[in-house]
Amino acid sequence: MISQTDRILELRVENKRLKEQITNLENKILTLVGMVNIESSGDPERKNVLNDLLMNIINSTKDQLNIVSPRIDSFYAKELKRLVERGIPVLLITTDRGEVTKKDLPIYDDLKLTQGISVINNPNVKFLLVFNTEQAVYAGGSLDKEELSKSILIITKIQEKSKLRMIAEIFSLMLPTFMRK
């Protein structure tokens, strides 16, 4: 027969174990909450938030940069060319060449000919997504510095590994079948 003191001791041990599990769960939740952020960009006080985030991703990429954008301006084209000069490949999914405006055609052609930048055409590109293995930024609009600073947009910034894998899978679906992993 178990004495009352032994039972109290068992309950204290069980209580301590449950408190540790709760603390671990709270830490995991706090970690996940900070891994997906939603914010705005383009209003007068936050004019260049999105441009700053994009430049941070471009400059911090160590292995490969993946981009989905309907169009790219000359500012970002230069930044992508600087990135490939450092030996980091860029995989860009953009609209078909026939949909590119006359003003943007030289930029498109230059990117298409740049060693280290793979340009894939997809007529269904209607959003902006820039990601690497560490983080992703998703928003409306195009990779156009001026457009992004003037437009009020909702930005989703993702750093959680499982969500980044999901984004990579979705990105892969936009590639031609022979390029999918």
C-alpha atoms as a PDB file:
ATOM      1  CA  MET A   1       0.000   0.000   0.000  1.00  0.00           C
ATOM      2  CA  ILE A   2       1.302   3.455  -0.992  1.00  0.00           C
ATOM      3  CA  SER A   3       1.629   5.915   1.839  1.00  0.00           C
ATOM      4  CA  GLN A   4       0.307   9.410   1.604  1.00  0.00           C
ATOM      5  CA  THR A   5       3.872  10.842   1.611  1.00  0.00           C
ATOM      6  CA  ASP A   6       4.889   8.598  -1.305  1.00  0.00           C
ATOM      7  CA  ARG A   7       1.809   9.657  -3.242  1.00  0.00           C
ATOM      8  CA  ILE A   8       2.570  13.353  -2.618  1.00  0.00           C
ATOM      9  CA  LEU A   9       6.140  12.778  -3.792  1.00  0.00           C
ATOM     10  CA  GLU A  10       4.883  11.058  -6.990  1.00  0.00           C
ATOM     11  CA  LEU A  11       2.520  13.959  -7.669  1.00  0.00           C
ATOM     12  CA  ARG A  12       5.296  16.511  -7.186  1.00  0.00           C
ATOM     13  CA  VAL A  13       7.547  14.650  -9.627  1.00  0.00           C
ATOM     14  CA  GLU A  14       4.693  14.411 -12.149  1.00  0.00           C
ATOM     15  CA  ASN A  15       3.878  18.101 -11.643  1.00  0.00           C
ATOM     16  CA  LYS A  16       7.516  19.074 -12.281  1.00  0.00           C
ATOM     17  CA  ARG A  17       7.596  16.942 -15.477  1.00  0.00           C
ATOM     18  CA  LEU A  18       4.383  18.559 -16.762  1.00  0.00           C
ATOM     19  CA  LYS A  19       5.722  22.065 -16.019  1.00  0.00           C
ATOM     20  CA  GLU A  20       8.856  21.270 -18.049  1.00  0.00           C
ATOM     21  CA  GLN A  21       6.723  20.051 -20.964  1.00  0.00           C
ATOM     22  CA  ILE A  22       4.633  23.234 -20.825  1.00  0.00           C
ATOM     23  CA  THR A  23       7.777  25.379 -20.804  1.00  0.00           C
ATOM     24  CA  ASN A  24       9.163  23.497 -23.826  1.00  0.00           C
ATOM     25  CA  LEU A  25       5.873  23.913 -25.694  1.00  0.00           C
ATOM     26  CA  GLU A  26       5.741  27.635 -24.881  1.00  0.00           C
ATOM     27  CA  ASN A  27       9.307  28.058 -26.185  1.00  0.00           C
ATOM     28  CA  LYS A  28       8.429  26.260 -29.421  1.00  0.00           C
ATOM     29  CA  ILE A  29       5.353  28.440 -29.910  1.00  0.00           C
ATOM     30  CA  LEU A  30       7.335  31.619 -29.262  1.00  0.00           C
ATOM     31  CA  THR A  31       9.933  30.498 -31.782  1.00  0.00           C
ATOM     32  CA  LEU A  32       7.299  29.812 -34.451  1.00  0.00           C
ATOM     33  CA  VAL A  33       5.416  33.046 -33.872  1.00  0.00           C
ATOM     34  CA  GLY A  34       8.527  35.075 -34.637  1.00  0.00           C
ATOM     35  CA  MET A  35       9.229  33.131 -37.841  1.00  0.00           C
ATOM     36  CA  VAL A  36       6.307  34.505 -39.899  1.00  0.00           C
ATOM     37  CA  ASN A  37       5.735  38.268 -39.896  1.00  0.00           C
ATOM     38  CA  ILE A  38       3.158  40.350 -41.716  1.00  0.00           C
ATOM     39  CA  GLU A  39       3.708  44.066 -42.169  1.00  0.00           C
ATOM     40  CA  SER A  40       2.994  46.888 -44.583  1.00  0.00           C
ATOM     41  CA  SER A  41       5.157  48.867 -46.948  1.00  0.00           C
ATOM     42  CA  GLY A  42       4.684  51.882 -49.158  1.00  0.00           C
ATOM     43  CA  ASP A  43       2.866  54.276 -46.852  1.00  0.00           C
ATOM     44  CA  PRO A  44       4.667  57.559 -46.061  1.00  0.00           C
ATOM     45  CA  GLU A  45       6.221  56.293 -42.803  1.00  0.00           C
ATOM     46  CA  ARG A  46       7.215  52.891 -44.225  1.00  0.00           C
ATOM     47  CA  LYS A  47       8.013  53.813 -47.812  1.00  0.00           C
ATOM     48  CA  ASN A  48      10.972  51.487 -48.412  1.00  0.00           C
ATOM     49  CA  VAL A  49      10.340  48.590 -46.021  1.00  0.00           C
ATOM     50  CA  LEU A  50       9.889  46.091 -48.849  1.00  0.00           C
ATOM     51  CA  ASN A  51      12.884  47.357 -50.829  1.00  0.00           C
ATOM     52  CA  ASP A  52      15.023  47.116 -47.687  1.00  0.00           C
ATOM     53  CA  LEU A  53      13.850  43.547 -47.009  1.00  0.00           C
ATOM     54  CA  LEU A  54      14.547  42.524 -50.602  1.00  0.00           C
ATOM     55  CA  MET A  55      18.030  44.038 -50.561  1.00  0.00           C
ATOM     56  CA  ASN A  56      18.721  42.228 -47.295  1.00  0.00           C
ATOM     57  CA  ILE A  57      17.750  38.883 -48.830  1.00  0.00           C
ATOM     58  CA  ILE A  58      19.768  39.529 -51.985  1.00  0.00           C
ATOM     59  CA  ASN A  59      22.872  40.549 -50.055  1.00  0.00           C
ATOM     60  CA  SER A  60      22.627  37.770 -47.456  1.00  0.00           C
ATOM     61  CA  THR A  61      22.090  34.891 -49.905  1.00  0.00           C
ATOM     62  CA  LYS A  62      24.882  32.344 -49.694  1.00  0.00           C
ATOM     63  CA  ASP A  63      23.834  29.557 -52.081  1.00  0.00           C
ATOM     64  CA  GLN A  64      20.967  30.360 -54.493  1.00  0.00           C
ATOM     65  CA  LEU A  65      18.375  33.104 -54.826  1.00  0.00           C
ATOM     66  CA  ASN A  66      14.933  32.208 -56.168  1.00  0.00           C
ATOM     67  CA  ILE A  67      12.613  34.894 -57.527  1.00  0.00           C
ATOM     68  CA  VAL A  68       9.102  35.071 -58.937  1.00  0.00           C
ATOM     69  CA  SER A  69       8.238  38.484 -60.390  1.00  0.00           C
ATOM     70  CA  PRO A  70       6.141  39.715 -63.339  1.00  0.00           C
ATOM     71  CA  ARG A  71       8.898  42.183 -64.233  1.00  0.00           C
ATOM     72  CA  ILE A  72      12.257  43.522 -63.060  1.00  0.00           C
ATOM     73  CA  ASP A  73      13.596  47.056 -63.239  1.00  0.00           C
ATOM     74  CA  SER A  74      17.173  48.072 -63.991  1.00  0.00           C
ATOM     75  CA  PHE A  75      18.026  48.647 -60.297  1.00  0.00           C
ATOM     76  CA  TYR A  76      17.220  45.078 -59.294  1.00  0.00           C
ATOM     77  CA  ALA A  77      18.708  43.682 -62.514  1.00  0.00           C
ATOM     78  CA  LYS A  78      22.049  45.279 -61.512  1.00  0.00           C
ATOM     79  CA  GLU A  79      21.755  43.806 -58.002  1.00  0.00           C
ATOM     80  CA  LEU A  80      21.116  40.327 -59.416  1.00  0.00           C
ATOM     81  CA  LYS A  81      24.107  40.660 -61.729  1.00  0.00           C
ATOM     82  CA  ARG A  82      26.280  41.640 -58.746  1.00  0.00           C
ATOM     83  CA  LEU A  83      25.048  38.555 -56.925  1.00  0.00           C
ATOM     84  CA  VAL A  84      26.038  36.193 -59.752  1.00  0.00           C
ATOM     85  CA  GLU A  85      29.422  37.923 -59.961  1.00  0.00           C
ATOM     86  CA  ARG A  86      29.948  36.641 -56.408  1.00  0.00           C
ATOM     87  CA  GLY A  87      29.248  33.121 -57.690  1.00  0.00           C
ATOM     88  CA  ILE A  88      25.678  32.815 -56.384  1.00  0.00           C
ATOM     89  CA  PRO A  89      23.162  31.533 -58.960  1.00  0.00           C
ATOM     90  CA  VAL A  90      19.764  33.162 -59.468  1.00  0.00           C
ATOM     91  CA  LEU A  91      16.662  31.307 -60.640  1.00  0.00           C
ATOM     92  CA  LEU A  92      14.084  33.803 -61.914  1.00  0.00           C
ATOM     93  CA  ILE A  93      10.529  32.971 -62.951  1.00  0.00           C
ATOM     94  CA  THR A  94       8.954  35.834 -64.848  1.00  0.00           C
ATOM     95  CA  THR A  95       6.333  36.494 -67.483  1.00  0.00           C
ATOM     96  CA  ASP A  96       6.740  35.466 -71.114  1.00  0.00           C
ATOM     97  CA  ARG A  97       8.982  37.655 -73.275  1.00  0.00           C
ATOM     98  CA  GLY A  98       6.012  38.650 -75.439  1.00  0.00           C
ATOM     99  CA  GLU A  99       4.338  40.198 -72.381  1.00  0.00           C
ATOM    100  CA  VAL A 100       7.370  42.340 -71.488  1.00  0.00           C
ATOM    101  CA  THR A 101       6.985  46.070 -72.264  1.00  0.00           C
ATOM    102  CA  LYS A 102       9.284  47.735 -74.797  1.00  0.00           C
ATOM    103  CA  LYS A 103      10.876  49.696 -71.942  1.00  0.00           C
ATOM    104  CA  ASP A 104      11.698  46.490 -70.005  1.00  0.00           C
ATOM    105  CA  LEU A 105      12.720  44.359 -72.990  1.00  0.00           C
ATOM    106  CA  PRO A 106      16.448  45.326 -72.863  1.00  0.00           C
ATOM    107  CA  ILE A 107      16.521  44.453 -69.132  1.00  0.00           C
ATOM    108  CA  TYR A 108      14.828  41.120 -69.781  1.00  0.00           C
ATOM    109  CA  ASP A 109      17.203  40.251 -72.646  1.00  0.00           C
ATOM    110  CA  ASP A 110      20.243  41.272 -70.604  1.00  0.00           C
ATOM    111  CA  LEU A 111      19.177  39.063 -67.689  1.00  0.00           C
ATOM    112  CA  LYS A 112      18.449  36.182 -70.056  1.00  0.00           C
ATOM    113  CA  LEU A 113      22.012  36.406 -71.418  1.00  0.00           C
ATOM    114  CA  THR A 114      23.698  36.805 -68.026  1.00  0.00           C
ATOM    115  CA  GLN A 115      25.734  33.774 -66.982  1.00  0.00           C
ATOM    116  CA  GLY A 116      24.438  32.526 -63.618  1.00  0.00           C
ATOM    117  CA  ILE A 117      20.890  33.841 -64.016  1.00  0.00           C
ATOM    118  CA  SER A 118      18.359  31.299 -65.258  1.00  0.00           C
ATOM    119  CA  VAL A 119      15.241  32.998 -66.612  1.00  0.00           C
ATOM    120  CA  ILE A 120      12.151  30.786 -66.772  1.00  0.00           C
ATOM    121  CA  ASN A 121       8.996  32.044 -68.441  1.00  0.00           C
ATOM    122  CA  ASN A 122       5.577  31.485 -66.910  1.00  0.00           C
ATOM    123  CA  PRO A 123       2.582  33.508 -68.115  1.00  0.00           C
ATOM    124  CA  ASN A 124       0.823  33.128 -64.736  1.00  0.00           C
ATOM    125  CA  VAL A 125       3.267  35.196 -62.675  1.00  0.00           C
ATOM    126  CA  LYS A 126       1.209  37.823 -60.837  1.00  0.00           C
ATOM    127  CA  PHE A 127       3.045  38.251 -57.513  1.00  0.00           C
ATOM    128  CA  LEU A 128       6.466  38.888 -56.021  1.00  0.00           C
ATOM    129  CA  LEU A 129       8.329  36.160 -54.152  1.00  0.00           C
ATOM    130  CA  VAL A 130      12.021  36.300 -53.281  1.00  0.00           C
ATOM    131  CA  PHE A 131      13.573  33.560 -51.169  1.00  0.00           C
ATOM    132  CA  ASN A 132      16.673  31.614 -50.259  1.00  0.00           C
ATOM    133  CA  THR A 133      17.298  28.855 -47.713  1.00  0.00           C
ATOM    134  CA  GLU A 134      17.040  31.272 -44.762  1.00  0.00           C
ATOM    135  CA  GLN A 135      14.054  33.502 -45.503  1.00  0.00           C
ATOM    136  CA  ALA A 136      11.319  34.444 -47.943  1.00  0.00           C
ATOM    137  CA  VAL A 137       9.435  37.637 -48.741  1.00  0.00           C
ATOM    138  CA  TYR A 138       6.059  37.485 -50.463  1.00  0.00           C
ATOM    139  CA  ALA A 139       4.048  40.501 -51.647  1.00  0.00           C
ATOM    140  CA  GLY A 140       2.084  41.880 -54.548  1.00  0.00           C
ATOM    141  CA  GLY A 141       3.862  43.899 -57.186  1.00  0.00           C
ATOM    142  CA  SER A 142       7.044  43.416 -59.172  1.00  0.00           C
ATOM    143  CA  LEU A 143      10.772  43.640 -58.537  1.00  0.00           C
ATOM    144  CA  ASP A 144      10.693  47.359 -59.335  1.00  0.00           C
ATOM    145  CA  LYS A 145      12.208  49.719 -56.747  1.00  0.00           C
ATOM    146  CA  GLU A 146      10.063  52.743 -57.572  1.00  0.00           C
ATOM    147  CA  GLU A 147       6.833  50.747 -57.866  1.00  0.00           C
ATOM    148  CA  LEU A 148       7.454  49.050 -54.511  1.00  0.00           C
ATOM    149  CA  SER A 149       8.179  52.342 -52.726  1.00  0.00           C
ATOM    150  CA  LYS A 150       4.977  53.966 -54.060  1.00  0.00           C
ATOM    151  CA  SER A 151       2.572  51.039 -53.564  1.00  0.00           C
ATOM    152  CA  ILE A 152       0.985  50.200 -50.246  1.00  0.00           C
ATOM    153  CA  LEU A 153       1.520  46.454 -49.975  1.00  0.00           C
ATOM    154  CA  ILE A 154       1.127  43.683 -47.439  1.00  0.00           C
ATOM    155  CA  ILE A 155       4.430  41.879 -46.910  1.00  0.00           C
ATOM    156  CA  THR A 156       4.742  38.368 -45.571  1.00  0.00           C
ATOM    157  CA  LYS A 157       8.226  37.552 -44.284  1.00  0.00           C
ATOM    158  CA  ILE A 158       8.908  33.889 -43.535  1.00  0.00           C
ATOM    159  CA  GLN A 159      11.871  32.353 -41.731  1.00  0.00           C
ATOM    160  CA  GLU A 160      10.429  29.054 -40.484  1.00  0.00           C
ATOM    161  CA  LYS A 161      12.175  26.077 -42.158  1.00  0.00           C
ATOM    162  CA  SER A 162       9.029  23.998 -42.792  1.00  0.00           C
ATOM    163  CA  LYS A 163       7.284  26.971 -44.444  1.00  0.00           C
ATOM    164  CA  LEU A 164      10.395  27.673 -46.531  1.00  0.00           C
ATOM    165  CA  ARG A 165      10.333  24.051 -47.748  1.00  0.00           C
ATOM    166  CA  MET A 166       6.661  24.481 -48.671  1.00  0.00           C
ATOM    167  CA  ILE A 167       7.491  27.672 -50.594  1.00  0.00           C
ATOM    168  CA  ALA A 168      10.295  25.842 -52.417  1.00  0.00           C
ATOM    169  CA  GLU A 169       7.822  23.096 -53.401  1.00  0.00           C
ATOM    170  CA  ILE A 170       5.338  25.656 -54.734  1.00  0.00           C
ATOM    171  CA  PHE A 171       8.162  27.421 -56.587  1.00  0.00           C
ATOM    172  CA  SER A 172       9.166  24.076 -58.092  1.00  0.00           C
ATOM    173  CA  LEU A 173       5.639  23.586 -59.454  1.00  0.00           C
ATOM    174  CA  MET A 174       6.068  26.781 -61.465  1.00  0.00           C
ATOM    175  CA  LEU A 175       9.155  25.372 -63.205  1.00  0.00           C
ATOM    176  CA  PRO A 176       9.028  23.311 -66.409  1.00  0.00           C
ATOM    177  CA  THR A 177       8.741  19.585 -65.603  1.00  0.00           C
ATOM    178  CA  PHE A 178      12.337  18.818 -66.611  1.00  0.00           C
ATOM    179  CA  MET A 179      13.636  21.314 -64.006  1.00  0.00           C
ATOM    180  CA  ARG A 180      11.581  20.079 -61.043  1.00  0.00           C
ATOM    181  CA  LYS A 181      13.280  18.245 -58.230  1.00  0.00           C
END
